[in-house]
Every structure is written in structure tokens, then in C-alpha cells.
Protein backbone atom coordinates (compact mmCIF):
# COMPACT_ATOMS: atom_id res chain seq x y z
CA MET A 1 -2.38 -20.59 47.57
CA ALA A 2 0.28 -20.80 44.94
CA LYS A 3 -0.19 -18.79 41.77
CA ALA A 4 -0.11 -20.72 38.54
CA ALA A 5 2.74 -19.57 36.34
CA SER A 6 1.29 -18.30 33.10
CA PRO A 7 3.49 -18.81 30.06
CA LYS A 8 4.79 -15.70 28.32
CA PRO A 9 3.26 -15.15 24.90
CA GLU A 10 5.65 -15.99 22.08
CA PRO A 11 6.37 -13.09 19.71
CA THR A 12 5.02 -13.71 16.25
CA HIS A 13 8.21 -12.33 14.70
CA SER A 14 11.60 -11.32 15.91
CA PRO A 15 11.49 -7.87 17.44
CA LEU A 16 13.28 -5.17 15.49
CA SER A 17 15.53 -2.71 17.21
CA PHE A 18 14.60 0.94 17.14
CA ASP A 19 17.54 1.70 14.82
CA GLU A 20 16.39 -0.93 12.33
CA ILE A 21 12.90 0.55 12.32
CA LYS A 22 14.29 4.06 11.76
CA ARG A 23 16.46 2.82 8.89
CA ASP A 24 13.50 1.09 7.29
CA ILE A 25 11.36 4.22 7.54
CA ALA A 26 14.17 6.35 6.11
CA ARG A 27 14.62 3.93 3.20
CA ARG A 28 10.90 3.99 2.39
CA ASN A 29 10.88 7.80 2.57
CA GLU A 30 13.83 8.02 0.19
CA GLU A 31 12.13 5.67 -2.26
CA SER A 32 8.88 7.64 -2.22
CA GLN A 33 10.77 10.93 -2.66
CA LYS A 34 12.64 9.45 -5.62
CA VAL A 35 9.38 8.44 -7.28
CA ALA A 36 7.93 11.90 -6.61
CA ARG A 37 11.01 13.60 -8.12
CA GLN A 38 10.72 11.45 -11.26
CA ALA A 39 7.03 12.25 -11.64
CA ARG A 40 7.70 15.96 -11.12
CA ALA A 41 10.46 15.90 -13.77
CA ILE A 42 8.09 14.29 -16.27
CA ARG A 43 5.38 16.88 -15.55
CA GLU A 44 7.85 19.73 -15.92
CA LYS A 45 9.14 18.40 -19.27
CA GLU A 46 5.58 18.11 -20.56
CA GLU A 47 4.79 21.64 -19.38
CA ILE A 48 7.88 23.04 -21.11
CA ALA A 49 6.94 21.22 -24.32
CA ARG A 50 3.40 22.65 -24.16
CA ARG A 51 4.72 26.17 -23.67
CA ARG A 52 7.11 25.84 -26.61
CA ARG A 53 4.29 24.61 -28.87
CA TRP A 54 2.10 27.49 -27.69
CA GLU A 55 4.83 30.05 -28.38
CA GLN A 56 5.29 28.73 -31.91
CA LEU A 57 1.66 29.42 -32.80
């Protein structure tokens, strides 16, 4: 009996290389760290302003 050749499934998207995936992850990490740094800077400015107002009382 001859086996029927089954067609290979077509990829739904072009496969990314491992390096491209690593670069994408690094980029997203940098973006999230940037947002976190900005939020932390805002919180620290507000805290300093609160302390200055408190010291003036």
C-alpha cells in the first residue's frame, strides 16, 4: 500500500527568527521601563512638593 502524501500545513504568518523575537522583546521591555521611570519621576516630584508644603506649616 502506498501512503497518501499529506500536505504540509501553511504557516499563518512568516516565521520570525530568534534574533528578531529577542529584539522585539527587548524593545517592549525598554518601552515599559521608560513609562515606569516617567511615572516614578512624577510620583517623586509630587512627594517632594508635599514635603515642602508640610515643612512650611
